C-alpha atoms as a PDB file:
ATOM      1  CA  MET A   1      -1.914-103.473 -64.375  1.00  0.00           C
ATOM      2  CA  ASP A   2      -1.921-103.334 -60.814  1.00  0.00           C
ATOM      3  CA  TRP A   3       1.978-103.090 -59.128  1.00  0.00           C
ATOM      4  CA  ASN A   4       1.600-105.256 -55.986  1.00  0.00           C
ATOM      5  CA  ILE A   5       4.008-103.904 -53.361  1.00  0.00           C
ATOM      6  CA  GLU A   6       4.100-106.585 -50.286  1.00  0.00           C
ATOM      7  CA  THR A   7       7.968-105.530 -49.404  1.00  0.00           C
ATOM      8  CA  ILE A   8      10.021-102.524 -49.861  1.00  0.00           C
ATOM      9  CA  LEU A   9      13.857-102.824 -48.920  1.00  0.00           C
ATOM     10  CA  VAL A  10      15.575 -99.385 -47.699  1.00  0.00           C
ATOM     11  CA  GLY A  11      19.253 -99.094 -47.828  1.00  0.00           C
ATOM     12  CA  VAL A  12      20.454 -96.904 -45.033  1.00  0.00           C
ATOM     13  CA  ASP A  13      23.598 -95.686 -44.015  1.00  0.00           C
ATOM     14  CA  GLY A  14      23.364 -93.335 -41.687  1.00  0.00           C
ATOM     15  CA  SER A  15      23.785 -90.217 -44.168  1.00  0.00           C
ATOM     16  CA  ALA A  16      20.648 -87.759 -44.179  1.00  0.00           C
ATOM     17  CA  GLY A  17      20.144 -89.135 -47.975  1.00  0.00           C
ATOM     18  CA  SER A  18      19.509 -92.327 -46.506  1.00  0.00           C
ATOM     19  CA  ARG A  19      17.370 -90.958 -43.703  1.00  0.00           C
ATOM     20  CA  ARG A  20      15.202 -89.180 -46.463  1.00  0.00           C
ATOM     21  CA  ALA A  21      14.863 -92.664 -48.354  1.00  0.00           C
ATOM     22  CA  ALA A  22      13.832 -94.288 -45.393  1.00  0.00           C
ATOM     23  CA  GLU A  23      10.981 -92.048 -44.586  1.00  0.00           C
ATOM     24  CA  ARG A  24      10.145 -92.387 -48.204  1.00  0.00           C
ATOM     25  CA  GLY A  25      10.265 -96.275 -47.746  1.00  0.00           C
ATOM     26  CA  ALA A  26       8.232 -95.981 -44.374  1.00  0.00           C
ATOM     27  CA  ALA A  27       5.257 -93.673 -46.088  1.00  0.00           C
ATOM     28  CA  LEU A  28       5.385 -95.729 -48.867  1.00  0.00           C
ATOM     29  CA  ALA A  29       5.231 -99.063 -46.617  1.00  0.00           C
ATOM     30  CA  ARG A  30       1.619 -97.299 -44.375  1.00  0.00           C
ATOM     31  CA  ILE A  31       0.168 -96.534 -47.829  1.00  0.00           C
ATOM     32  CA  ARG A  32       0.483 -99.859 -49.439  1.00  0.00           C
ATOM     33  CA  GLY A  33       0.246-101.981 -46.281  1.00  0.00           C
ATOM     34  CA  ALA A  34       3.509-103.403 -47.110  1.00  0.00           C
ATOM     35  CA  ARG A  35       6.296-104.756 -45.145  1.00  0.00           C
ATOM     36  CA  LEU A  36       9.353-102.536 -44.645  1.00  0.00           C
ATOM     37  CA  LEU A  37      12.712-103.788 -44.540  1.00  0.00           C
ATOM     38  CA  LEU A  38      15.741-101.634 -42.972  1.00  0.00           C
ATOM     39  CA  ALA A  39      18.876-102.865 -44.368  1.00  0.00           C
ATOM     40  CA  THR A  40      22.554-101.655 -43.608  1.00  0.00           C
ATOM     41  CA  VAL A  41      25.177-103.018 -45.241  1.00  0.00           C
ATOM     42  CA  VAL A  42      29.062-101.982 -43.945  1.00  0.00           C
ATOM     43  CA  ARG A  43      32.058-102.611 -46.448  1.00  0.00           C
ATOM     44  CA  PRO A  44      34.911-104.091 -44.402  1.00  0.00           C
ATOM     45  CA  PRO A  45      37.255-101.377 -44.375  1.00  0.00           C
ATOM     46  CA  GLU A  46      40.469-102.711 -45.806  1.00  0.00           C
ATOM     47  CA  GLY A  47      43.971-101.244 -44.081  1.00  0.00           C
ATOM     48  CA  TRP A  48      42.158 -99.237 -41.410  1.00  0.00           C
ATOM     49  CA  TRP A  49      44.563-100.337 -38.597  1.00  0.00           C
ATOM     50  CA  GLY A  50      47.657 -98.676 -40.029  1.00  0.00           C
ATOM     51  CA  ILE A  51      50.447 -99.407 -42.567  1.00  0.00           C
ATOM     52  CA  GLY A  52      52.420-100.535 -39.818  1.00  0.00           C
ATOM     53  CA  GLY A  53      49.787-101.929 -37.480  1.00  0.00           C
ATOM     54  CA  ALA A  54      48.305-105.422 -37.320  1.00  0.00           C
ATOM     55  CA  PRO A  55      45.161-105.900 -39.061  1.00  0.00           C
ATOM     56  CA  PRO A  56      42.425-106.367 -36.187  1.00  0.00           C
ATOM     57  CA  THR A  57      41.667-109.924 -35.268  1.00  0.00           C
ATOM     58  CA  PRO A  58      38.121-111.126 -36.568  1.00  0.00           C
ATOM     59  CA  GLU A  59      36.799-110.864 -33.521  1.00  0.00           C
ATOM     60  CA  ALA A  60      37.171-107.128 -32.893  1.00  0.00           C
ATOM     61  CA  MET A  61      36.443-106.229 -36.471  1.00  0.00           C
ATOM     62  CA  SER A  62      33.050-108.448 -36.127  1.00  0.00           C
ATOM     63  CA  THR A  63      32.237-106.379 -33.056  1.00  0.00           C
ATOM     64  CA  ALA A  64      33.081-102.727 -34.359  1.00  0.00           C
ATOM     65  CA  LEU A  65      30.695-103.379 -37.262  1.00  0.00           C
ATOM     66  CA  VAL A  66      27.742-104.806 -35.622  1.00  0.00           C
ATOM     67  CA  GLU A  67      27.809-101.817 -33.261  1.00  0.00           C
ATOM     68  CA  GLY A  68      28.228 -99.363 -35.792  1.00  0.00           C
ATOM     69  CA  GLN A  69      25.326-100.854 -37.870  1.00  0.00           C
ATOM     70  CA  GLN A  70      23.017-101.865 -34.514  1.00  0.00           C
ATOM     71  CA  LYS A  71      23.703 -97.700 -34.089  1.00  0.00           C
ATOM     72  CA  ILE A  72      22.574 -96.950 -37.741  1.00  0.00           C
ATOM     73  CA  LEU A  73      19.663 -99.085 -37.735  1.00  0.00           C
ATOM     74  CA  ALA A  74      18.386 -97.861 -33.877  1.00  0.00           C
ATOM     75  CA  GLU A  75      18.804 -94.478 -35.066  1.00  0.00           C
ATOM     76  CA  VAL A  76      16.807 -95.018 -38.117  1.00  0.00           C
ATOM     77  CA  VAL A  77      14.035 -96.861 -36.340  1.00  0.00           C
ATOM     78  CA  ASP A  78      13.543 -94.186 -33.653  1.00  0.00           C
ATOM     79  CA  HIS A  79      13.288 -91.262 -36.196  1.00  0.00           C
ATOM     80  CA  LEU A  80      10.441 -93.426 -38.106  1.00  0.00           C
ATOM     81  CA  ASP A  81       7.085 -93.849 -36.588  1.00  0.00           C
ATOM     82  CA  LEU A  82       6.698 -97.041 -37.396  1.00  0.00           C
ATOM     83  CA  GLU A  83       3.845 -98.160 -35.715  1.00  0.00           C
ATOM     84  CA  GLY A  84       1.260-100.440 -37.796  1.00  0.00           C
ATOM     85  CA  ILE A  85       3.845-101.280 -40.424  1.00  0.00           C
ATOM     86  CA  GLU A  86       5.621-104.461 -40.388  1.00  0.00           C
ATOM     87  CA  HIS A  87       8.995-103.989 -40.308  1.00  0.00           C
ATOM     88  CA  GLU A  88      12.313-105.840 -39.950  1.00  0.00           C
ATOM     89  CA  THR A  89      16.025-104.541 -39.637  1.00  0.00           C
ATOM     90  CA  ILE A  90      18.868-106.482 -41.393  1.00  0.00           C
ATOM     91  CA  GLU A  91      22.573-106.284 -41.282  1.00  0.00           C
ATOM     92  CA  ASP A  92      25.032-107.048 -43.682  1.00  0.00           C
ATOM     93  CA  VAL A  93      28.720-106.909 -44.623  1.00  0.00           C
ATOM     94  CA  GLY A  94      30.666-106.799 -48.199  1.00  0.00           C
ATOM     95  CA  ASP A  95      29.923-104.595 -51.317  1.00  0.00           C
ATOM     96  CA  PRO A  96      26.160-102.417 -50.259  1.00  0.00           C
ATOM     97  CA  SER A  97      25.229-102.394 -53.977  1.00  0.00           C
ATOM     98  CA  THR A  98      25.782-106.403 -54.337  1.00  0.00           C
ATOM     99  CA  ARG A  99      24.295-107.353 -51.015  1.00  0.00           C
ATOM    100  CA  ILE A 100      21.535-105.204 -51.309  1.00  0.00           C
ATOM    101  CA  LEU A 101      20.580-106.349 -54.569  1.00  0.00           C
ATOM    102  CA  ALA A 102      20.909-109.942 -53.110  1.00  0.00           C
ATOM    103  CA  LEU A 103      18.995-108.946 -49.828  1.00  0.00           C
ATOM    104  CA  ALA A 104      16.309-107.987 -52.303  1.00  0.00           C
ATOM    105  CA  ASP A 105      15.841-111.118 -54.241  1.00  0.00           C
ATOM    106  CA  ASP A 106      16.140-113.331 -50.840  1.00  0.00           C
ATOM    107  CA  TRP A 107      13.316-111.151 -49.128  1.00  0.00           C
ATOM    108  CA  GLY A 108      11.097-111.343 -52.157  1.00  0.00           C
ATOM    109  CA  ALA A 109      11.430-107.601 -52.448  1.00  0.00           C
ATOM    110  CA  ASP A 110       9.215-105.439 -54.542  1.00  0.00           C
ATOM    111  CA  LEU A 111      10.361-102.169 -54.378  1.00  0.00           C
ATOM    112  CA  ILE A 112      14.433-101.409 -53.598  1.00  0.00           C
ATOM    113  CA  VAL A 113      14.329 -97.355 -51.559  1.00  0.00           C
ATOM    114  CA  ILE A 114      17.422 -95.549 -51.580  1.00  0.00           C
ATOM    115  CA  GLY A 115      19.126 -92.497 -51.003  1.00  0.00           C
ATOM    116  CA  ARG A 116      20.977 -90.638 -54.281  1.00  0.00           C
ATOM    117  CA  ARG A 117      24.256 -90.039 -52.097  1.00  0.00           C
ATOM    118  CA  GLY A 118      25.156 -91.397 -49.154  1.00  0.00           C
ATOM    119  CA  ALA A 119      29.278 -92.455 -49.884  1.00  0.00           C
ATOM    120  CA  ASN A 120      31.703 -90.327 -49.484  1.00  0.00           C
ATOM    121  CA  LEU A 121      32.625 -88.499 -52.019  1.00  0.00           C
ATOM    122  CA  ALA A 122      36.072 -90.393 -52.899  1.00  0.00           C
ATOM    123  CA  GLU A 123      34.008 -93.711 -52.803  1.00  0.00           C
ATOM    124  CA  ARG A 124      31.911 -92.127 -55.137  1.00  0.00           C
ATOM    125  CA  VAL A 125      34.432 -91.686 -57.664  1.00  0.00           C
ATOM    126  CA  ILE A 126      36.496 -94.797 -57.612  1.00  0.00           C
ATOM    127  CA  LEU A 127      33.592 -96.929 -57.126  1.00  0.00           C
ATOM    128  CA  GLY A 128      30.546 -95.237 -58.009  1.00  0.00           C
ATOM    129  CA  SER A 129      27.759 -94.496 -56.330  1.00  0.00           C
ATOM    130  CA  VAL A 130      25.231 -97.285 -54.514  1.00  0.00           C
ATOM    131  CA  ALA A 131      22.092 -95.835 -56.174  1.00  0.00           C
ATOM    132  CA  ASP A 132      23.466 -95.765 -59.412  1.00  0.00           C
ATOM    133  CA  ARG A 133      24.615 -99.592 -59.819  1.00  0.00           C
ATOM    134  CA  LEU A 134      21.481-100.479 -58.541  1.00  0.00           C
ATOM    135  CA  THR A 135      19.347 -98.610 -60.603  1.00  0.00           C
ATOM    136  CA  HIS A 136      21.618-100.235 -63.761  1.00  0.00           C
ATOM    137  CA  LEU A 137      21.471-103.769 -62.119  1.00  0.00           C
ATOM    138  CA  ALA A 138      18.390-104.143 -60.074  1.00  0.00           C
ATOM    139  CA  ASP A 139      15.531-106.573 -61.857  1.00  0.00           C
ATOM    140  CA  ILE A 140      13.030-104.807 -59.771  1.00  0.00           C
ATOM    141  CA  PRO A 141      11.925-100.920 -59.513  1.00  0.00           C
ATOM    142  CA  VAL A 142      14.099 -98.743 -57.624  1.00  0.00           C
ATOM    143  CA  LEU A 143      13.174 -95.102 -56.160  1.00  0.00           C
ATOM    144  CA  VAL A 144      16.126 -92.419 -55.801  1.00  0.00           C
ATOM    145  CA  VAL A 145      15.712 -90.602 -53.208  1.00  0.00           C
ATOM    146  CA  PRO A 146      17.663 -87.105 -53.701  1.00  0.00           C
END
């Protein structure tokens, strides 16, 4: 049975692990002639404005999230050799595991590539790693890059 990989979705978060995942995803896209989707999903911070402070306006939070995502994606795109690879960048907000699965479905991805570690230790302990959740919940293959 031939596995036809036409679309590869890579989750990136600015970490070294996600950079390695993007490198592997780009290499696979080049070899297979697949479209490469580089996606960053930001979990909206809760309470980051402090105990006594007021929450930021929706516009201020939106601007901060978009600027952060654009920076992460620009760094990844600049780092990779994407010449000759059809690619797109995607910015999303929400639970990273849930949104990556939804993006994979929405874009018809055949493979998800994710770094083994991206979130900080406290978040992994409380929420579990994104890679772990994806390997358990995805309906398509997930390549976890160390």
